[in-house]
Amino acid sequence: MNRHILLGIDPAISPATRQAITKVRELVEQAPAFHVILLTVIPIPYTASPSLGMYVGQIQPLPITTEQRSEAEEVLKRARLEFQKYAISSERIEMMIRVGEPAGEIVRAARELGADLIVVGSRGEGLRHKLRRLLVGSISRRVLALAPCPVMIVMAPPIARPGDLVAWYRKALTAYLEEHTGALAVFTPQEVATMFLPANKKKAGRKEIAAATLALEHLVNSGRLCRHEVKGQLRYVND
């Protein structure tokens, strides 16, 4: 009889989510009876502006946009690819998009689907994350409190503050390539800058993209990657 793992995927595929994907992939590789449900939740946007038929101050949910749904679909495809790189068939992977409050939707989906295990990532114990939990709570902790089945909470790997961004991206890329030996990897500087963004950075800017580019070029010079130009955009491939 098939058993189901419900894996929560956040919109950014954060380091904690990437670690959770790795843990679930290892479980699925060892147990052919396991099937994976990849779930991402689109938070419902709200408006507090008064409009016809609304009382002043009344909050009303807004419909999600086509762009939000497209982004959610793309995130799930990227997560599924991480399983397919290891020859885990698409028949064992289901993708699901829900709309609402993330913890509540994860728990509701687990109950409706009869999931045997829920896996979610936790962003860590840094000061910024502790303050956020104090103010708004933790998705992983709410899932743990409400879940109808066992829950595995996967912590993000500890990340030191980088002194040299180029060295940081070079080390992160090298570790990724060693972990995914034999799998095709295609990178752009923008993707690398975001994918391996240091924990003390909020978003990848020009400095991070420039550092990622130099790190990629270093790996080209060392023979780990090849440089290709596709429609005017540089891509780096491990072929």
C-alpha atoms as a PDB file:
ATOM      1  CA  MET A   1       0.000   0.000   0.000  1.00  0.00           C
ATOM      2  CA  ASN A   2       1.311   3.439  -0.939  1.00  0.00           C
ATOM      3  CA  ARG A   3       2.219   5.903   1.797  1.00  0.00           C
ATOM      4  CA  HIS A   4       2.154   9.640   1.270  1.00  0.00           C
ATOM      5  CA  ILE A   5       4.550  12.362   2.367  1.00  0.00           C
ATOM      6  CA  LEU A   6       3.192  15.900   2.205  1.00  0.00           C
ATOM      7  CA  LEU A   7       6.084  18.305   1.618  1.00  0.00           C
ATOM      8  CA  GLY A   8       5.487  22.026   2.076  1.00  0.00           C
ATOM      9  CA  ILE A   9       7.277  24.197  -0.496  1.00  0.00           C
ATOM     10  CA  ASP A  10       7.668  27.897   0.216  1.00  0.00           C
ATOM     11  CA  PRO A  11       7.510  30.418  -2.661  1.00  0.00           C
ATOM     12  CA  ALA A  12      11.231  31.203  -2.551  1.00  0.00           C
ATOM     13  CA  ILE A  13      12.430  27.592  -2.111  1.00  0.00           C
ATOM     14  CA  SER A  14      14.476  28.784   0.860  1.00  0.00           C
ATOM     15  CA  PRO A  15      17.554  26.920   2.182  1.00  0.00           C
ATOM     16  CA  ALA A  16      15.305  25.219   4.753  1.00  0.00           C
ATOM     17  CA  THR A  17      12.960  24.012   2.000  1.00  0.00           C
ATOM     18  CA  ARG A  18      15.891  22.809  -0.111  1.00  0.00           C
ATOM     19  CA  GLN A  19      17.119  20.843   2.897  1.00  0.00           C
ATOM     20  CA  ALA A  20      13.618  19.406   3.384  1.00  0.00           C
ATOM     21  CA  ILE A  21      13.516  18.373  -0.287  1.00  0.00           C
ATOM     22  CA  THR A  22      16.817  16.523   0.185  1.00  0.00           C
ATOM     23  CA  LYS A  23      15.542  14.701   3.281  1.00  0.00           C
ATOM     24  CA  VAL A  24      12.317  13.619   1.553  1.00  0.00           C
ATOM     25  CA  ARG A  25      14.183  12.554  -1.574  1.00  0.00           C
ATOM     26  CA  GLU A  26      16.415  10.322   0.548  1.00  0.00           C
ATOM     27  CA  LEU A  27      13.348   8.767   2.186  1.00  0.00           C
ATOM     28  CA  VAL A  28      11.674   8.143  -1.156  1.00  0.00           C
ATOM     29  CA  GLU A  29      14.824   6.610  -2.644  1.00  0.00           C
ATOM     30  CA  GLN A  30      14.970   4.113   0.223  1.00  0.00           C
ATOM     31  CA  ALA A  31      11.242   3.302   0.315  1.00  0.00           C
ATOM     32  CA  PRO A  32       9.534   2.732  -3.078  1.00  0.00           C
ATOM     33  CA  ALA A  33       6.115   2.698  -1.367  1.00  0.00           C
ATOM     34  CA  PHE A  34       6.400   6.399  -0.559  1.00  0.00           C
ATOM     35  CA  HIS A  35       4.711   8.938  -2.816  1.00  0.00           C
ATOM     36  CA  VAL A  36       5.334  12.668  -2.459  1.00  0.00           C
ATOM     37  CA  ILE A  37       2.768  15.467  -2.524  1.00  0.00           C
ATOM     38  CA  LEU A  38       4.447  18.815  -3.180  1.00  0.00           C
ATOM     39  CA  LEU A  39       2.249  21.556  -1.756  1.00  0.00           C
ATOM     40  CA  THR A  40       2.678  25.303  -2.034  1.00  0.00           C
ATOM     41  CA  VAL A  41       0.198  27.769  -0.560  1.00  0.00           C
ATOM     42  CA  ILE A  42      -0.660  31.143  -2.061  1.00  0.00           C
ATOM     43  CA  PRO A  43      -1.520  33.472   0.833  1.00  0.00           C
ATOM     44  CA  ILE A  44      -4.847  35.255   0.338  1.00  0.00           C
ATOM     45  CA  PRO A  45      -4.337  39.005  -0.141  1.00  0.00           C
ATOM     46  CA  TYR A  46      -6.792  41.295   1.669  1.00  0.00           C
ATOM     47  CA  THR A  47      -8.000  44.850   1.238  1.00  0.00           C
ATOM     48  CA  ALA A  48      -9.168  47.114   4.053  1.00  0.00           C
ATOM     49  CA  SER A  49     -10.292  49.923   1.772  1.00  0.00           C
ATOM     50  CA  PRO A  50     -14.022  50.635   2.004  1.00  0.00           C
ATOM     51  CA  SER A  51     -15.992  49.963  -1.147  1.00  0.00           C
ATOM     52  CA  LEU A  52     -19.615  49.626  -2.188  1.00  0.00           C
ATOM     53  CA  GLY A  53     -21.355  47.150   0.086  1.00  0.00           C
ATOM     54  CA  MET A  54     -18.583  47.161   2.688  1.00  0.00           C
ATOM     55  CA  TYR A  55     -18.514  48.747   6.110  1.00  0.00           C
ATOM     56  CA  VAL A  56     -15.667  51.146   6.862  1.00  0.00           C
ATOM     57  CA  GLY A  57     -12.678  49.124   8.064  1.00  0.00           C
ATOM     58  CA  GLN A  58     -14.113  45.821   6.855  1.00  0.00           C
ATOM     59  CA  ILE A  59     -11.478  43.442   5.464  1.00  0.00           C
ATOM     60  CA  GLN A  60     -12.252  41.587   2.257  1.00  0.00           C
ATOM     61  CA  PRO A  61     -10.157  38.868   0.556  1.00  0.00           C
ATOM     62  CA  LEU A  62      -8.933  39.605  -2.944  1.00  0.00           C
ATOM     63  CA  PRO A  63      -8.764  37.020  -5.730  1.00  0.00           C
ATOM     64  CA  ILE A  64      -5.301  35.669  -6.529  1.00  0.00           C
ATOM     65  CA  THR A  65      -3.731  36.794  -9.791  1.00  0.00           C
ATOM     66  CA  THR A  66      -2.678  34.772 -12.817  1.00  0.00           C
ATOM     67  CA  GLU A  67       0.897  35.772 -12.048  1.00  0.00           C
ATOM     68  CA  GLN A  68       0.654  34.357  -8.515  1.00  0.00           C
ATOM     69  CA  ARG A  69      -0.648  31.032  -9.823  1.00  0.00           C
ATOM     70  CA  SER A  70       2.027  30.894 -12.534  1.00  0.00           C
ATOM     71  CA  GLU A  71       4.745  31.552  -9.951  1.00  0.00           C
ATOM     72  CA  ALA A  72       3.355  28.822  -7.709  1.00  0.00           C
ATOM     73  CA  GLU A  73       3.327  26.361 -10.612  1.00  0.00           C
ATOM     74  CA  GLU A  74       6.931  27.238 -11.473  1.00  0.00           C
ATOM     75  CA  VAL A  75       8.043  26.729  -7.861  1.00  0.00           C
ATOM     76  CA  LEU A  76       6.476  23.259  -7.794  1.00  0.00           C
ATOM     77  CA  LYS A  77       8.100  22.330 -11.119  1.00  0.00           C
ATOM     78  CA  ARG A  78      11.502  23.335  -9.736  1.00  0.00           C
ATOM     79  CA  ALA A  79      10.918  21.232  -6.629  1.00  0.00           C
ATOM     80  CA  ARG A  80       9.768  18.237  -8.712  1.00  0.00           C
ATOM     81  CA  LEU A  81      12.906  18.508 -10.837  1.00  0.00           C
ATOM     82  CA  GLU A  82      15.033  17.927  -7.730  1.00  0.00           C
ATOM     83  CA  PHE A  83      13.387  14.511  -7.380  1.00  0.00           C
ATOM     84  CA  GLN A  84      13.520  13.672 -11.078  1.00  0.00           C
ATOM     85  CA  LYS A  85      17.278  14.332 -11.155  1.00  0.00           C
ATOM     86  CA  TYR A  86      17.588  11.187  -9.054  1.00  0.00           C
ATOM     87  CA  ALA A  87      15.394   9.059 -11.323  1.00  0.00           C
ATOM     88  CA  ILE A  88      12.330   9.308  -9.087  1.00  0.00           C
ATOM     89  CA  SER A  89       9.455   8.954 -11.524  1.00  0.00           C
ATOM     90  CA  SER A  90       6.800  11.631 -11.960  1.00  0.00           C
ATOM     91  CA  GLU A  91       4.144   8.995 -11.118  1.00  0.00           C
ATOM     92  CA  ARG A  92       5.387   9.124  -7.513  1.00  0.00           C
ATOM     93  CA  ILE A  93       5.137  12.918  -7.320  1.00  0.00           C
ATOM     94  CA  GLU A  94       1.955  14.976  -7.097  1.00  0.00           C
ATOM     95  CA  MET A  95       1.880  18.772  -7.221  1.00  0.00           C
ATOM     96  CA  MET A  96      -0.768  20.792  -5.413  1.00  0.00           C
ATOM     97  CA  ILE A  97      -1.551  24.509  -5.061  1.00  0.00           C
ATOM     98  CA  ARG A  98      -3.832  25.802  -2.339  1.00  0.00           C
ATOM     99  CA  VAL A  99      -4.902  29.304  -1.349  1.00  0.00           C
ATOM    100  CA  GLY A 100      -5.139  30.544   2.225  1.00  0.00           C
ATOM    101  CA  GLU A 101      -3.125  30.644   5.429  1.00  0.00           C
ATOM    102  CA  PRO A 102      -0.075  28.350   4.904  1.00  0.00           C
ATOM    103  CA  ALA A 103      -0.107  26.349   8.151  1.00  0.00           C
ATOM    104  CA  GLY A 104      -3.873  25.844   8.052  1.00  0.00           C
ATOM    105  CA  GLU A 105      -3.847  24.730   4.416  1.00  0.00           C
ATOM    106  CA  ILE A 106      -0.964  22.306   4.982  1.00  0.00           C
ATOM    107  CA  VAL A 107      -2.814  20.686   7.883  1.00  0.00           C
ATOM    108  CA  ARG A 108      -6.129  20.652   5.995  1.00  0.00           C
ATOM    109  CA  ALA A 109      -4.526  19.034   2.940  1.00  0.00           C
ATOM    110  CA  ALA A 110      -2.821  16.404   5.106  1.00  0.00           C
ATOM    111  CA  ARG A 111      -6.143  15.520   6.716  1.00  0.00           C
ATOM    112  CA  GLU A 112      -8.051  15.390   3.418  1.00  0.00           C
ATOM    113  CA  LEU A 113      -5.385  13.321   1.639  1.00  0.00           C
ATOM    114  CA  GLY A 114      -4.672  10.986   4.547  1.00  0.00           C
ATOM    115  CA  ALA A 115      -0.964  11.900   4.574  1.00  0.00           C
ATOM    116  CA  ASP A 116       1.303   9.643   6.630  1.00  0.00           C
ATOM    117  CA  LEU A 117       3.938  12.327   7.207  1.00  0.00           C
ATOM    118  CA  ILE A 118       4.204  16.107   6.843  1.00  0.00           C
ATOM    119  CA  VAL A 119       7.622  17.624   6.138  1.00  0.00           C
ATOM    120  CA  VAL A 120       8.238  21.371   6.407  1.00  0.00           C
ATOM    121  CA  GLY A 121      11.351  23.509   6.619  1.00  0.00           C
ATOM    122  CA  SER A 122      12.173  25.856   9.462  1.00  0.00           C
ATOM    123  CA  ARG A 123      14.243  28.948   8.737  1.00  0.00           C
ATOM    124  CA  GLY A 124      16.467  28.663  11.783  1.00  0.00           C
ATOM    125  CA  GLU A 125      17.300  30.297  15.077  1.00  0.00           C
ATOM    126  CA  GLY A 126      18.778  33.611  13.946  1.00  0.00           C
ATOM    127  CA  LEU A 127      17.701  36.807  15.725  1.00  0.00           C
ATOM    128  CA  ARG A 128      15.582  37.984  12.785  1.00  0.00           C
ATOM    129  CA  HIS A 129      13.678  34.691  12.676  1.00  0.00           C
ATOM    130  CA  LYS A 130      13.208  34.635  16.459  1.00  0.00           C
ATOM    131  CA  LEU A 131      11.710  38.129  16.345  1.00  0.00           C
ATOM    132  CA  ARG A 132       9.420  37.138  13.480  1.00  0.00           C
ATOM    133  CA  ARG A 133       8.163  34.109  15.418  1.00  0.00           C
ATOM    134  CA  LEU A 134       7.548  36.304  18.458  1.00  0.00           C
ATOM    135  CA  LEU A 135       5.383  38.658  16.372  1.00  0.00           C
ATOM    136  CA  VAL A 136       3.538  36.382  13.944  1.00  0.00           C
ATOM    137  CA  GLY A 137       4.353  32.840  14.999  1.00  0.00           C
ATOM    138  CA  SER A 138       5.999  30.027  13.061  1.00  0.00           C
ATOM    139  CA  ILE A 139       4.342  28.105  10.240  1.00  0.00           C
ATOM    140  CA  SER A 140       6.234  24.937  11.177  1.00  0.00           C
ATOM    141  CA  ARG A 141       5.205  25.187  14.847  1.00  0.00           C
ATOM    142  CA  ARG A 142       1.548  25.727  13.966  1.00  0.00           C
ATOM    143  CA  VAL A 143       1.662  22.730  11.640  1.00  0.00           C
ATOM    144  CA  LEU A 144       3.211  20.665  14.436  1.00  0.00           C
ATOM    145  CA  ALA A 145       0.461  21.718  16.852  1.00  0.00           C
ATOM    146  CA  LEU A 146      -2.440  21.003  14.492  1.00  0.00           C
ATOM    147  CA  ALA A 147      -1.280  18.136  12.277  1.00  0.00           C
ATOM    148  CA  PRO A 148      -3.273  14.879  12.121  1.00  0.00           C
ATOM    149  CA  CYS A 149      -0.084  12.854  11.481  1.00  0.00           C
ATOM    150  CA  PRO A 150       3.643  12.890  12.366  1.00  0.00           C
ATOM    151  CA  VAL A 151       5.565  16.033  11.345  1.00  0.00           C
ATOM    152  CA  MET A 152       9.232  16.321  10.399  1.00  0.00           C
ATOM    153  CA  ILE A 153      10.627  19.849  10.781  1.00  0.00           C
ATOM    154  CA  VAL A 154      13.863  20.309   8.838  1.00  0.00           C
ATOM    155  CA  MET A 155      16.155  23.108   9.936  1.00  0.00           C
ATOM    156  CA  ALA A 156      18.066  25.221   7.456  1.00  0.00           C
ATOM    157  CA  PRO A 157      21.791  24.437   7.503  1.00  0.00           C
ATOM    158  CA  PRO A 158      23.783  26.935   9.579  1.00  0.00           C
ATOM    159  CA  ILE A 159      25.241  29.710   7.444  1.00  0.00           C
ATOM    160  CA  ALA A 160      28.110  31.899   8.493  1.00  0.00           C
ATOM    161  CA  ARG A 161      28.250  35.556   7.512  1.00  0.00           C
ATOM    162  CA  PRO A 162      30.451  35.702   4.409  1.00  0.00           C
ATOM    163  CA  GLY A 163      33.439  38.013   4.361  1.00  0.00           C
ATOM    164  CA  ASP A 164      34.065  37.485   0.646  1.00  0.00           C
ATOM    165  CA  LEU A 165      30.964  37.133  -1.536  1.00  0.00           C
ATOM    166  CA  VAL A 166      32.862  35.577  -4.453  1.00  0.00           C
ATOM    167  CA  ALA A 167      34.359  32.904  -2.200  1.00  0.00           C
ATOM    168  CA  TRP A 168      30.918  32.385  -0.625  1.00  0.00           C
ATOM    169  CA  TYR A 169      29.219  31.697  -3.956  1.00  0.00           C
ATOM    170  CA  ARG A 170      32.128  29.591  -5.200  1.00  0.00           C
ATOM    171  CA  LYS A 171      31.963  27.390  -2.091  1.00  0.00           C
ATOM    172  CA  ALA A 172      28.154  27.088  -2.312  1.00  0.00           C
ATOM    173  CA  LEU A 173      28.302  26.151  -6.008  1.00  0.00           C
ATOM    174  CA  THR A 174      31.031  23.595  -5.418  1.00  0.00           C
ATOM    175  CA  ALA A 175      29.058  21.959  -2.606  1.00  0.00           C
ATOM    176  CA  TYR A 176      25.929  21.861  -4.788  1.00  0.00           C
ATOM    177  CA  LEU A 177      27.787  20.237  -7.695  1.00  0.00           C
ATOM    178  CA  GLU A 178      29.355  17.641  -5.393  1.00  0.00           C
ATOM    179  CA  GLU A 179      25.949  16.820  -3.896  1.00  0.00           C
ATOM    180  CA  HIS A 180      24.322  16.513  -7.341  1.00  0.00           C
ATOM    181  CA  THR A 181      27.050  14.530  -9.106  1.00  0.00           C
ATOM    182  CA  GLY A 182      25.781  13.110 -12.405  1.00  0.00           C
ATOM    183  CA  ALA A 183      22.795  15.444 -12.627  1.00  0.00           C
ATOM    184  CA  LEU A 184      22.588  18.184 -15.236  1.00  0.00           C
ATOM    185  CA  ALA A 185      22.939  21.643 -13.692  1.00  0.00           C
ATOM    186  CA  VAL A 186      22.326  24.887 -15.588  1.00  0.00           C
ATOM    187  CA  PHE A 187      22.947  28.232 -13.894  1.00  0.00           C
ATOM    188  CA  THR A 188      22.692  31.919 -14.647  1.00  0.00           C
ATOM    189  CA  PRO A 189      24.382  34.509 -12.412  1.00  0.00           C
ATOM    190  CA  GLN A 190      20.988  35.845 -11.302  1.00  0.00           C
ATOM    191  CA  GLU A 191      19.792  32.368 -10.305  1.00  0.00           C
ATOM    192  CA  VAL A 192      22.996  31.613  -8.393  1.00  0.00           C
ATOM    193  CA  ALA A 193      22.885  34.975  -6.595  1.00  0.00           C
ATOM    194  CA  THR A 194      19.347  34.232  -5.384  1.00  0.00           C
ATOM    195  CA  MET A 195      19.608  30.470  -4.848  1.00  0.00           C
ATOM    196  CA  PHE A 196      22.672  30.737  -2.572  1.00  0.00           C
ATOM    197  CA  LEU A 197      21.938  34.151  -1.098  1.00  0.00           C
ATOM    198  CA  PRO A 198      23.687  34.563   2.286  1.00  0.00           C
ATOM    199  CA  ALA A 199      21.350  34.542   5.274  1.00  0.00           C
ATOM    200  CA  ASN A 200      22.253  38.118   6.211  1.00  0.00           C
ATOM    201  CA  LYS A 201      21.051  39.417   2.831  1.00  0.00           C
ATOM    202  CA  LYS A 202      17.403  40.211   2.103  1.00  0.00           C
ATOM    203  CA  LYS A 203      17.659  40.016  -1.693  1.00  0.00           C
ATOM    204  CA  ALA A 204      20.207  39.614  -4.460  1.00  0.00           C
ATOM    205  CA  GLY A 205      21.365  42.945  -5.836  1.00  0.00           C
ATOM    206  CA  ARG A 206      24.033  44.003  -8.314  1.00  0.00           C
ATOM    207  CA  LYS A 207      26.877  43.205  -5.893  1.00  0.00           C
ATOM    208  CA  GLU A 208      25.597  39.669  -5.305  1.00  0.00           C
ATOM    209  CA  ILE A 209      25.034  39.021  -9.026  1.00  0.00           C
ATOM    210  CA  ALA A 210      28.538  40.292  -9.840  1.00  0.00           C
ATOM    211  CA  ALA A 211      30.020  38.026  -7.145  1.00  0.00           C
ATOM    212  CA  ALA A 212      28.020  35.049  -8.446  1.00  0.00           C
ATOM    213  CA  THR A 213      29.293  35.738 -11.971  1.00  0.00           C
ATOM    214  CA  LEU A 214      32.918  35.741 -10.804  1.00  0.00           C
ATOM    215  CA  ALA A 215      32.326  32.521  -8.880  1.00  0.00           C
ATOM    216  CA  LEU A 216      30.852  30.872 -11.978  1.00  0.00           C
ATOM    217  CA  GLU A 217      33.796  32.050 -14.076  1.00  0.00           C
ATOM    218  CA  HIS A 218      36.175  30.573 -11.503  1.00  0.00           C
ATOM    219  CA  LEU A 219      34.457  27.195 -11.884  1.00  0.00           C
ATOM    220  CA  VAL A 220      34.693  27.531 -15.675  1.00  0.00           C
ATOM    221  CA  ASN A 221      38.456  28.128 -15.372  1.00  0.00           C
ATOM    222  CA  SER A 222      38.812  25.132 -13.082  1.00  0.00           C
ATOM    223  CA  GLY A 223      36.913  22.897 -15.514  1.00  0.00           C
ATOM    224  CA  ARG A 224      33.846  22.329 -13.320  1.00  0.00           C
ATOM    225  CA  LEU A 225      31.471  24.255 -15.613  1.00  0.00           C
ATOM    226  CA  CYS A 226      31.191  25.264 -19.263  1.00  0.00           C
ATOM    227  CA  ARG A 227      30.011  28.650 -20.484  1.00  0.00           C
ATOM    228  CA  HIS A 228      27.254  28.867 -23.121  1.00  0.00           C
ATOM    229  CA  GLU A 229      25.441  31.819 -24.616  1.00  0.00           C
ATOM    230  CA  VAL A 230      21.736  31.268 -25.318  1.00  0.00           C
ATOM    231  CA  LYS A 231      19.802  34.110 -26.953  1.00  0.00           C
ATOM    232  CA  GLY A 232      22.268  36.643 -25.636  1.00  0.00           C
ATOM    233  CA  GLN A 233      22.218  35.300 -22.052  1.00  0.00           C
ATOM    234  CA  LEU A 234      25.159  33.503 -20.464  1.00  0.00           C
ATOM    235  CA  ARG A 235      24.431  30.112 -18.972  1.00  0.00           C
ATOM    236  CA  TYR A 236      26.824  27.852 -17.100  1.00  0.00           C
ATOM    237  CA  VAL A 237      26.438  24.098 -17.493  1.00  0.00           C
ATOM    238  CA  ASN A 238      28.238  21.156 -15.874  1.00  0.00           C
ATOM    239  CA  ASP A 239      28.628  19.187 -19.108  1.00  0.00           C
END
